Amino acid sequence: MIRDPGMNPTTMQTESLPQSELHTYQIGTLVYTRRGLVALLFWLLWGDFAFTFFESIFSRFFPIYLKDLQASNTLIGMMTGSFAGLVNVVFLPGISRWSDNFRSRLGRRIPFLYVSTPLVVCSLILTGFAPEIGGGVFDRFAAHLPGSITRGGLILGLLSALTVSFHFFNMVLVGSYNCLIRDVVPQSLISRFLAWFRIVGTVSSVFFLWYVFPHILTYRREICLGIGLFYLAAFFLMCSRVKEGEYPPPESAERHLGILNTYRAYCRECLQIPLYCWFFLTYLLVSMAINCANGFTTLFVKDTLGIEMTSLGQIFSWIAGLSAIIFFALGWLCDRLSPLWVTLASIIGLCLCPILGYVAVNSGRGYLVYCLIFSLPTSAWALGSMAAAMKLFPGEEFGQFFAGMNIFGCGGLIIGNLLIGALMDLVHNDYRMAFLWTTVVSGLAIFPMLRVIREWKRYGGPNRYVPPLPVGKA
């Protein structure tokens, strides 16, 4: 079981434990036996399973949902990525510093999860009912509305507001959950833990894509309501079972600044060290390359290749299933070779593989083969970049630097989704261009990742690395 964080590790009694339980793992004031690690892994994976199932609605279904409501490609790009990026860039600096310095009986991360989870669930449920809510408002007040406002425009406006709400609360939730993992999982096992998170998340995606995705247009309201309530119950259960340890005292009150000064100090500290700057830039470019293209790749398969929803869900399921197998090997590679080398190799793969998709994908079977090949670099990036962040950033200020990485990634989403959406309108819905987008932008990320590895070696490399801290915090 997870040890009481208030217990002094030096006084933990081990004489009465079985021989298999004598070996312990420590992070901060938390000390785990092997059985305790299994319990920790189970509850964190339970939360990750629910989270992936929940978020699949936005990542897989939302572009199709918007297209069905006659949204333009530019609006699809904005609502599936740019809104999220803008929310993160504006609010994440202050929230991440608040989280790092927050202290309570429950810890510094779990209280944020308790508050944000019901709010993000409400946003998703209302999104599922947006056409009915917006249509009802229009029918009731049409006579009092300006003539320029149409029924469809009002529905899309409501969806835009709900999307901003979803992304704001989801930003708080995702950041707090990832920081919780960094705070409670021993560093010597972090890559293998992350591999298990990816495996379970992939299994969750398979369930969603195989059993839910084909029916989501037909049963949109019921599915959004059911998944939202399941997620709320599952995540609250996880929060009640995972315990945080004790933390050093927070920063003094003098460092609690106003919004603009907080943002200025945040940027100065995050960008002070070249190692982190190059890693942020790498994350920005790869986020632009993959995430901005995903929605339009889905539209390429559905609209250009003419694959219906059931077959599309099955294709995504096969891809997710292969990814689950790949993560086993990737977790071992990250611990064996360092996640930084795995991340570099993944970027090279992300640059080369989409060329095959642009040239050769002309049928559902061809798309399935391409995706099975492409799943190797995408899985390597997903695991390698997260494990690299866990290794590179200092534990004391992890929330701040992890948020910095996400702010750069979201900045890439803001710019990238606007650009790719405009590009798709410019080329008259030639969604095949999304493959070339991924190749070009991923290629740009290779150079900054090489600089990350160079700086990482300068600070000690694989065996003696010590995360550098900004001046004043070292």
Protein backbone atom coordinates (compact mmCIF):
# COMPACT_ATOMS: atom_id res chain seq x y z
CA MET A 1 0.00 0.00 0.00
CA ILE A 2 1.06 3.63 -0.30
CA ARG A 3 2.77 4.72 2.88
CA ASP A 4 1.42 7.53 5.01
CA PRO A 5 3.31 10.60 3.73
CA GLY A 6 3.58 11.94 7.26
CA MET A 7 5.77 9.04 8.39
CA ASN A 8 9.48 9.73 8.63
CA PRO A 9 11.19 7.38 6.11
CA THR A 10 14.03 6.69 8.52
CA THR A 11 11.64 5.26 11.11
CA MET A 12 9.71 2.90 8.82
CA GLN A 13 9.71 -0.58 10.28
CA THR A 14 10.71 -3.37 7.85
CA GLU A 15 11.50 -6.25 10.22
CA SER A 16 7.95 -7.59 10.09
CA LEU A 17 7.69 -7.48 6.30
CA PRO A 18 8.22 -10.57 4.13
CA GLN A 19 11.62 -10.82 2.45
CA SER A 20 10.07 -9.87 -0.92
CA GLU A 21 8.82 -6.61 0.62
CA LEU A 22 12.13 -5.48 2.17
CA HIS A 23 13.30 -3.66 -0.97
CA THR A 24 11.85 -0.16 -0.98
CA TYR A 25 11.61 2.74 -3.42
CA GLN A 26 11.65 6.37 -2.36
CA ILE A 27 10.76 9.74 -3.78
CA GLY A 28 10.81 12.68 -1.38
CA THR A 29 9.16 11.60 1.88
CA LEU A 30 7.25 8.78 0.18
CA VAL A 31 8.63 5.27 0.60
CA TYR A 32 7.05 2.30 -1.21
CA THR A 33 7.40 -1.44 -0.94
CA ARG A 34 6.91 -3.45 -4.12
CA ARG A 35 3.31 -4.03 -3.09
CA GLY A 36 2.88 -0.30 -2.56
CA LEU A 37 4.22 0.42 -6.03
CA VAL A 38 1.71 -1.99 -7.53
CA ALA A 39 -1.10 -0.21 -5.68
CA LEU A 40 0.17 3.18 -6.83
CA LEU A 41 0.44 1.96 -10.42
CA PHE A 42 -3.08 0.51 -10.34
CA TRP A 43 -4.78 3.69 -9.18
CA LEU A 44 -2.82 6.00 -11.46
CA LEU A 45 -3.55 3.70 -14.40
CA TRP A 46 -7.23 3.61 -13.46
CA GLY A 47 -7.29 7.41 -13.69
CA ASP A 48 -5.41 7.34 -16.98
CA PHE A 49 -7.84 4.80 -18.47
CA ALA A 50 -10.81 7.03 -17.59
CA PHE A 51 -9.02 10.19 -18.79
CA THR A 52 -8.09 8.74 -22.20
CA PHE A 53 -11.62 7.44 -22.75
CA PHE A 54 -12.98 10.85 -21.82
CA GLU A 55 -10.58 12.94 -23.94
CA SER A 56 -11.02 10.71 -27.00
CA ILE A 57 -14.30 12.52 -27.69
CA PHE A 58 -12.49 15.79 -28.38
CA SER A 59 -9.46 14.33 -30.14
CA ARG A 60 -11.29 11.87 -32.44
CA PHE A 61 -14.90 13.00 -32.71
CA PHE A 62 -14.84 16.79 -32.51
CA PRO A 63 -13.52 17.51 -36.06
CA ILE A 64 -16.25 15.27 -37.52
CA TYR A 65 -18.84 16.86 -35.21
CA LEU A 66 -17.89 20.35 -36.38
CA LYS A 67 -17.84 19.34 -40.04
CA ASP A 68 -21.33 17.89 -39.61
CA LEU A 69 -22.42 21.31 -38.32
CA GLN A 70 -21.03 22.99 -41.49
CA ALA A 71 -18.01 24.61 -39.81
CA SER A 72 -15.20 25.84 -42.08
CA ASN A 73 -11.77 24.23 -42.03
CA THR A 74 -10.32 27.36 -40.44
CA LEU A 75 -12.90 27.22 -37.63
CA ILE A 76 -12.23 23.49 -37.15
CA GLY A 77 -8.53 24.22 -36.79
CA MET A 78 -9.21 26.99 -34.27
CA MET A 79 -11.66 25.00 -32.14
CA THR A 80 -9.67 21.75 -32.10
CA GLY A 81 -6.35 23.36 -31.24
CA SER A 82 -6.00 27.13 -31.25
CA PHE A 83 -8.52 27.71 -28.46
CA ALA A 84 -6.70 25.19 -26.26
CA GLY A 85 -3.37 26.81 -27.05
CA LEU A 86 -4.59 30.31 -26.26
CA VAL A 87 -6.09 29.25 -22.94
CA ASN A 88 -2.86 27.51 -21.92
CA VAL A 89 -0.61 30.40 -22.90
CA VAL A 90 -2.70 32.94 -20.98
CA PHE A 91 -3.48 31.02 -17.78
CA LEU A 92 -0.96 28.20 -17.35
CA PRO A 93 1.98 30.28 -16.01
CA GLY A 94 0.05 31.53 -13.00
CA ILE A 95 -1.71 28.22 -12.31
CA SER A 96 1.51 26.18 -12.51
CA ARG A 97 3.34 28.48 -10.06
CA TRP A 98 0.29 28.39 -7.79
CA SER A 99 0.31 24.59 -7.87
CA ASP A 100 4.04 24.35 -7.10
CA ASN A 101 3.60 26.59 -4.05
CA PHE A 102 0.23 25.27 -2.87
CA ARG A 103 0.17 23.32 0.40
CA SER A 104 -2.81 21.53 1.95
CA ARG A 105 -3.71 18.44 3.92
CA LEU A 106 -4.34 16.64 0.60
CA GLY A 107 -1.09 17.80 -1.02
CA ARG A 108 -0.36 20.35 -3.73
CA ARG A 109 -1.79 18.60 -6.85
CA ILE A 110 -4.84 16.58 -5.77
CA PRO A 111 -6.91 19.62 -4.63
CA PHE A 112 -6.64 21.02 -8.17
CA LEU A 113 -7.91 17.69 -9.53
CA TYR A 114 -10.88 17.70 -7.17
CA VAL A 115 -11.92 21.17 -8.35
CA SER A 116 -11.23 20.90 -12.09
CA THR A 117 -12.67 17.43 -12.75
CA PRO A 118 -16.41 18.22 -12.26
CA LEU A 119 -16.05 21.48 -14.18
CA VAL A 120 -14.43 19.85 -17.22
CA VAL A 121 -17.07 17.10 -17.15
CA CYS A 122 -19.85 19.71 -17.18
CA SER A 123 -18.22 21.40 -20.18
CA LEU A 124 -18.10 18.13 -22.13
CA ILE A 125 -21.70 17.18 -21.33
CA LEU A 126 -22.97 20.60 -22.40
CA THR A 127 -20.91 20.29 -25.61
CA GLY A 128 -22.81 17.09 -26.41
CA PHE A 129 -26.11 18.96 -26.02
CA ALA A 130 -24.99 22.18 -27.77
CA PRO A 131 -27.13 21.79 -30.95
CA GLU A 132 -30.28 21.32 -28.86
CA ILE A 133 -29.42 24.13 -26.43
CA GLY A 134 -28.38 26.57 -29.17
CA GLY A 135 -31.29 25.63 -31.40
CA GLY A 136 -33.75 26.05 -28.53
CA VAL A 137 -32.38 29.48 -27.68
CA PHE A 138 -32.59 30.55 -31.33
CA ASP A 139 -36.18 29.31 -31.73
CA ARG A 140 -37.27 31.12 -28.57
CA PHE A 141 -35.51 34.43 -29.17
CA ALA A 142 -35.17 34.56 -32.97
CA ALA A 143 -37.42 37.60 -33.21
CA HIS A 144 -35.15 39.55 -30.87
CA LEU A 145 -31.83 38.56 -32.45
CA PRO A 146 -30.01 40.50 -35.21
CA GLY A 147 -30.69 39.19 -38.70
CA SER A 148 -27.02 38.32 -39.18
CA ILE A 149 -27.26 35.61 -36.49
CA THR A 150 -28.36 32.28 -37.93
CA ARG A 151 -29.38 29.11 -36.13
CA GLY A 152 -26.14 27.38 -37.19
CA GLY A 153 -24.04 30.40 -36.25
CA LEU A 154 -25.55 30.52 -32.77
CA ILE A 155 -24.87 26.81 -32.24
CA LEU A 156 -21.24 27.20 -33.37
CA GLY A 157 -20.86 30.24 -31.11
CA LEU A 158 -22.13 28.24 -28.13
CA LEU A 159 -19.78 25.41 -29.05
CA SER A 160 -16.88 27.87 -29.17
CA ALA A 161 -17.66 29.11 -25.65
CA LEU A 162 -18.00 25.55 -24.32
CA THR A 163 -14.76 24.57 -26.06
CA VAL A 164 -12.87 27.38 -24.32
CA SER A 165 -14.38 26.30 -21.00
CA PHE A 166 -13.43 22.66 -21.62
CA HIS A 167 -9.86 23.51 -22.56
CA PHE A 168 -9.39 25.79 -19.54
CA PHE A 169 -10.47 23.24 -16.95
CA ASN A 170 -8.82 20.39 -18.86
CA MET A 171 -5.58 22.38 -18.83
CA VAL A 172 -5.70 22.55 -15.03
CA LEU A 173 -6.55 18.86 -14.78
CA VAL A 174 -3.89 17.57 -17.20
CA GLY A 175 -1.15 19.73 -15.71
CA SER A 176 -2.01 18.70 -12.15
CA TYR A 177 -2.23 15.01 -13.08
CA ASN A 178 1.16 14.96 -14.81
CA CYS A 179 2.76 16.86 -11.94
CA LEU A 180 1.21 14.37 -9.53
CA ILE A 181 2.90 11.54 -11.42
CA ARG A 182 6.25 13.34 -11.15
CA ASP A 183 5.74 13.93 -7.42
CA VAL A 184 4.73 10.38 -6.39
CA VAL A 185 6.55 8.00 -8.79
CA PRO A 186 10.21 7.12 -8.00
CA GLN A 187 12.53 8.50 -10.68
CA SER A 188 14.33 5.19 -11.22
CA LEU A 189 11.07 3.68 -12.52
CA ILE A 190 9.51 6.67 -14.26
CA SER A 191 10.01 5.50 -17.87
CA ARG A 192 8.46 2.10 -17.21
CA PHE A 193 5.57 3.71 -15.33
CA LEU A 194 4.97 6.05 -18.26
CA ALA A 195 5.07 3.09 -20.65
CA TRP A 196 2.30 1.44 -18.63
CA PHE A 197 0.30 4.68 -18.72
CA ARG A 198 0.57 4.70 -22.49
CA ILE A 199 -0.40 1.05 -22.74
CA VAL A 200 -3.49 1.46 -20.58
CA GLY A 201 -4.40 4.69 -22.36
CA THR A 202 -4.11 2.85 -25.64
CA VAL A 203 -6.38 0.06 -24.41
CA SER A 204 -8.87 2.73 -23.36
CA SER A 205 -8.68 4.23 -26.87
CA VAL A 206 -9.35 0.81 -28.41
CA PHE A 207 -12.51 0.40 -26.32
CA PHE A 208 -13.67 3.88 -27.32
CA LEU A 209 -12.89 3.50 -31.02
CA TRP A 210 -14.31 0.00 -31.37
CA TYR A 211 -17.48 0.28 -29.31
CA VAL A 212 -18.30 4.00 -29.00
CA PHE A 213 -16.85 5.93 -31.95
CA PRO A 214 -19.06 4.33 -34.69
CA HIS A 215 -22.22 5.39 -32.82
CA ILE A 216 -21.25 8.80 -31.50
CA LEU A 217 -22.98 10.84 -34.22
CA THR A 218 -26.20 8.92 -33.64
CA TYR A 219 -26.08 8.84 -29.82
CA ARG A 220 -24.06 12.00 -29.21
CA ARG A 221 -25.98 13.20 -26.13
CA GLU A 222 -26.16 9.84 -24.38
CA ILE A 223 -22.47 9.12 -24.98
CA CYS A 224 -21.25 12.52 -23.76
CA LEU A 225 -23.41 12.24 -20.64
CA GLY A 226 -22.44 8.64 -19.87
CA ILE A 227 -18.70 9.10 -20.42
CA GLY A 228 -18.68 12.33 -18.45
CA LEU A 229 -20.31 10.75 -15.38
CA PHE A 230 -18.05 7.68 -15.59
CA TYR A 231 -14.99 9.91 -15.75
CA LEU A 232 -16.11 11.99 -12.78
CA ALA A 233 -16.59 8.91 -10.58
CA ALA A 234 -13.37 7.20 -11.74
CA PHE A 235 -11.11 10.22 -11.26
CA PHE A 236 -12.52 11.05 -7.83
CA LEU A 237 -11.88 7.45 -6.78
CA MET A 238 -8.26 7.70 -7.94
CA CYS A 239 -7.75 10.98 -6.06
CA SER A 240 -9.05 9.41 -2.85
CA ARG A 241 -6.53 6.54 -3.02
CA VAL A 242 -3.28 8.23 -4.13
CA LYS A 243 -1.46 10.15 -1.41
CA GLU A 244 1.12 12.89 -1.83
CA GLY A 245 4.18 13.29 0.37
CA GLU A 246 5.49 16.30 2.23
CA TYR A 247 7.02 19.21 0.32
CA PRO A 248 9.52 21.92 1.22
CA PRO A 249 8.01 25.21 2.43
CA PRO A 250 6.48 27.30 -0.38
CA GLU A 251 7.97 30.49 -1.71
CA SER A 252 7.65 33.50 0.56
CA ALA A 253 4.71 35.83 0.22
CA GLU A 254 6.95 38.44 -1.36
CA ARG A 255 7.19 36.25 -4.48
CA HIS A 256 3.42 36.15 -4.96
CA LEU A 257 3.18 38.87 -7.56
CA GLY A 258 0.46 40.35 -9.71
CA ILE A 259 -0.61 38.73 -12.97
CA LEU A 260 1.72 40.65 -15.28
CA ASN A 261 4.70 40.40 -12.95
CA THR A 262 4.02 36.71 -12.40
CA TYR A 263 4.01 36.14 -16.15
CA ARG A 264 7.21 38.16 -16.56
CA ALA A 265 9.01 36.31 -13.77
CA TYR A 266 7.74 32.98 -15.07
CA CYS A 267 9.08 33.58 -18.57
CA ARG A 268 12.40 34.90 -17.26
CA GLU A 269 12.98 31.80 -15.13
CA CYS A 270 11.80 29.26 -17.73
CA LEU A 271 13.83 30.79 -20.56
CA GLN A 272 16.99 31.46 -18.55
CA ILE A 273 18.56 28.04 -19.27
CA PRO A 274 19.30 27.10 -22.93
CA LEU A 275 18.69 23.38 -22.28
CA TYR A 276 15.05 24.01 -21.44
CA CYS A 277 14.61 26.58 -24.23
CA TRP A 278 15.72 24.09 -26.89
CA PHE A 279 13.44 21.41 -25.43
CA PHE A 280 10.50 23.82 -25.44
CA LEU A 281 11.15 24.68 -29.09
CA THR A 282 11.33 20.99 -30.00
CA TYR A 283 8.01 20.35 -28.28
CA LEU A 284 6.42 23.33 -30.05
CA LEU A 285 7.42 22.11 -33.51
CA VAL A 286 6.39 18.48 -32.99
CA SER A 287 3.07 19.59 -31.49
CA MET A 288 2.46 21.62 -34.62
CA ALA A 289 3.49 18.71 -36.82
CA ILE A 290 1.31 16.01 -35.25
CA ASN A 291 -1.59 17.58 -33.39
CA CYS A 292 -2.48 20.19 -35.97
CA ALA A 293 -2.59 17.56 -38.72
CA ASN A 294 -4.59 14.92 -36.83
CA GLY A 295 -8.05 16.38 -37.37
CA PHE A 296 -7.49 16.91 -41.08
CA THR A 297 -6.00 13.43 -41.51
CA THR A 298 -9.24 12.07 -40.05
CA LEU A 299 -11.21 14.16 -42.53
CA PHE A 300 -8.96 12.87 -45.34
CA VAL A 301 -9.90 9.30 -44.48
CA LYS A 302 -13.60 10.02 -44.02
CA ASP A 303 -14.25 12.49 -46.85
CA THR A 304 -11.53 11.83 -49.44
CA LEU A 305 -11.25 8.05 -49.11
CA GLY A 306 -14.93 7.67 -48.23
CA ILE A 307 -14.44 5.34 -45.25
CA GLU A 308 -17.54 5.10 -43.07
CA MET A 309 -17.50 5.57 -39.30
CA THR A 310 -17.51 1.90 -38.26
CA SER A 311 -14.52 1.03 -40.45
CA LEU A 312 -12.73 4.21 -39.35
CA GLY A 313 -13.16 3.28 -35.69
CA GLN A 314 -11.80 -0.22 -36.38
CA ILE A 315 -8.75 1.19 -38.19
CA PHE A 316 -7.99 3.48 -35.25
CA SER A 317 -8.45 0.51 -32.90
CA TRP A 318 -5.87 -1.63 -34.76
CA ILE A 319 -3.42 1.25 -34.64
CA ALA A 320 -3.99 1.74 -30.91
CA GLY A 321 -3.57 -1.99 -30.30
CA LEU A 322 -0.18 -2.03 -32.01
CA SER A 323 0.89 1.02 -30.01
CA ALA A 324 0.17 -0.84 -26.78
CA ILE A 325 2.65 -3.54 -27.82
CA ILE A 326 5.25 -0.99 -28.89
CA PHE A 327 5.16 0.78 -25.53
CA PHE A 328 6.55 -2.28 -23.73
CA ALA A 329 9.75 -2.09 -25.76
CA LEU A 330 9.89 1.70 -25.66
CA GLY A 331 9.76 1.79 -21.86
CA TRP A 332 12.77 -0.52 -21.71
CA LEU A 333 14.61 1.52 -24.36
CA CYS A 334 14.04 4.79 -22.49
CA ASP A 335 15.56 3.36 -19.32
CA ARG A 336 18.35 1.61 -21.21
CA LEU A 337 19.41 4.33 -23.69
CA SER A 338 17.87 7.48 -22.14
CA PRO A 339 14.55 8.95 -23.31
CA LEU A 340 16.38 11.77 -25.09
CA TRP A 341 17.81 9.41 -27.73
CA VAL A 342 14.39 7.77 -28.16
CA THR A 343 12.86 11.23 -28.63
CA LEU A 344 15.40 12.18 -31.31
CA ALA A 345 14.81 8.94 -33.22
CA SER A 346 11.05 9.50 -33.04
CA ILE A 347 11.34 12.96 -34.60
CA ILE A 348 13.33 11.58 -37.53
CA GLY A 349 10.61 8.95 -38.02
CA LEU A 350 7.88 11.60 -37.84
CA CYS A 351 9.65 13.46 -40.62
CA LEU A 352 10.11 10.49 -42.97
CA CYS A 353 6.97 8.35 -42.56
CA PRO A 354 4.34 10.89 -43.77
CA ILE A 355 6.05 10.98 -47.16
CA LEU A 356 4.83 7.41 -47.60
CA GLY A 357 1.32 8.49 -46.61
CA TYR A 358 1.27 11.34 -49.14
CA VAL A 359 2.49 9.15 -51.99
CA ALA A 360 0.90 5.77 -51.35
CA VAL A 361 -2.34 6.02 -49.34
CA ASN A 362 -5.30 5.66 -51.71
CA SER A 363 -7.60 3.23 -49.88
CA GLY A 364 -8.69 2.18 -46.44
CA ARG A 365 -6.27 -0.74 -46.46
CA GLY A 366 -3.40 1.52 -47.54
CA TYR A 367 -4.25 3.95 -44.76
CA LEU A 368 -4.26 1.13 -42.21
CA VAL A 369 -0.79 -0.04 -43.35
CA TYR A 370 0.53 3.51 -43.23
CA CYS A 371 -0.86 4.11 -39.74
CA LEU A 372 0.62 0.87 -38.43
CA ILE A 373 4.04 2.07 -39.65
CA PHE A 374 3.50 5.63 -38.40
CA SER A 375 2.47 4.36 -34.95
CA LEU A 376 6.13 3.54 -34.18
CA PRO A 377 7.49 7.13 -34.26
CA THR A 378 4.31 8.62 -32.78
CA SER A 379 4.43 6.17 -29.86
CA ALA A 380 8.15 6.81 -29.40
CA TRP A 381 7.52 10.57 -29.31
CA ALA A 382 4.60 10.27 -26.88
CA LEU A 383 6.58 8.22 -24.38
CA GLY A 384 10.08 9.59 -25.03
CA SER A 385 9.17 13.28 -24.76
CA MET A 386 7.21 12.76 -21.54
CA ALA A 387 9.98 10.65 -19.97
CA ALA A 388 12.56 13.23 -21.10
CA ALA A 389 10.58 16.00 -19.40
CA MET A 390 10.38 13.97 -16.17
CA LYS A 391 14.16 13.50 -16.27
CA LEU A 392 15.20 16.98 -17.43
CA PHE A 393 13.11 19.28 -15.25
CA PRO A 394 13.90 19.88 -11.55
CA GLY A 395 11.46 18.26 -9.13
CA GLU A 396 11.15 21.35 -6.91
CA GLU A 397 9.85 23.48 -9.80
CA PHE A 398 8.49 20.70 -12.01
CA GLY A 399 5.02 22.22 -12.40
CA GLN A 400 6.49 25.48 -13.64
CA PHE A 401 8.83 23.96 -16.23
CA PHE A 402 6.36 21.31 -17.34
CA ALA A 403 3.84 24.10 -17.85
CA GLY A 404 6.48 25.99 -19.84
CA MET A 405 6.80 23.02 -22.17
CA ASN A 406 3.03 22.90 -22.61
CA ILE A 407 2.81 26.64 -23.17
CA PHE A 408 5.25 26.34 -26.06
CA GLY A 409 3.32 23.34 -27.36
CA CYS A 410 0.08 25.28 -27.13
CA GLY A 411 1.68 28.25 -28.81
CA GLY A 412 2.45 25.88 -31.65
CA LEU A 413 -1.20 24.77 -31.67
CA ILE A 414 -2.43 28.35 -31.90
CA ILE A 415 -0.21 29.16 -34.85
CA GLY A 416 -0.28 25.73 -36.46
CA ASN A 417 -4.04 25.20 -36.42
CA LEU A 418 -4.66 28.62 -37.90
CA LEU A 419 -2.09 27.97 -40.64
CA ILE A 420 -3.17 24.44 -41.52
CA GLY A 421 -6.85 25.37 -41.43
CA ALA A 422 -6.19 28.25 -43.83
CA LEU A 423 -4.03 25.94 -45.95
CA MET A 424 -6.85 23.40 -46.29
CA ASP A 425 -9.26 26.14 -47.35
CA LEU A 426 -6.63 27.43 -49.82
CA VAL A 427 -6.14 24.00 -51.44
CA HIS A 428 -9.92 23.43 -51.54
CA ASN A 429 -10.10 20.59 -48.97
CA ASP A 430 -7.17 18.59 -50.33
CA TYR A 431 -6.66 16.92 -46.95
CA ARG A 432 -3.77 14.82 -48.31
CA MET A 433 -1.60 17.92 -47.74
CA ALA A 434 -1.75 17.16 -44.00
CA PHE A 435 0.91 14.45 -44.59
CA LEU A 436 3.35 16.97 -46.07
CA TRP A 437 2.64 19.37 -43.23
CA THR A 438 3.80 16.74 -40.72
CA THR A 439 6.96 15.98 -42.71
CA VAL A 440 8.09 19.59 -43.07
CA VAL A 441 7.37 20.76 -39.53
CA SER A 442 8.83 17.61 -37.92
CA GLY A 443 12.01 18.08 -39.94
CA LEU A 444 12.44 21.52 -38.39
CA ALA A 445 12.40 19.94 -34.89
CA ILE A 446 15.51 17.79 -35.45
CA PHE A 447 18.01 20.63 -34.93
CA PRO A 448 16.71 21.89 -31.55
CA MET A 449 16.53 18.30 -30.26
CA LEU A 450 20.22 17.84 -31.12
CA ARG A 451 20.95 20.97 -29.09
CA VAL A 452 18.96 19.52 -26.16
CA ILE A 453 21.19 16.43 -26.17
CA ARG A 454 24.31 18.58 -26.34
CA GLU A 455 23.23 20.67 -23.33
CA TRP A 456 22.10 17.57 -21.42
CA LYS A 457 25.59 16.08 -21.77
CA ARG A 458 27.08 19.36 -20.53
CA TYR A 459 25.09 19.02 -17.28
CA GLY A 460 26.21 15.45 -16.63
CA GLY A 461 24.58 13.26 -19.27
CA PRO A 462 23.00 9.88 -18.57
CA ASN A 463 24.76 9.03 -15.30
CA ARG A 464 25.51 12.35 -13.55
CA TYR A 465 22.83 14.72 -14.79
CA VAL A 466 21.70 17.38 -12.30
CA PRO A 467 18.78 19.58 -13.48
CA PRO A 468 19.95 23.21 -13.65
CA LEU A 469 17.92 25.80 -11.75
CA PRO A 470 17.43 29.49 -12.61
CA VAL A 471 19.63 32.04 -10.87
CA GLY A 472 18.21 32.72 -7.45
CA LYS A 473 16.79 29.22 -7.05
CA ALA A 474 19.98 27.16 -7.39
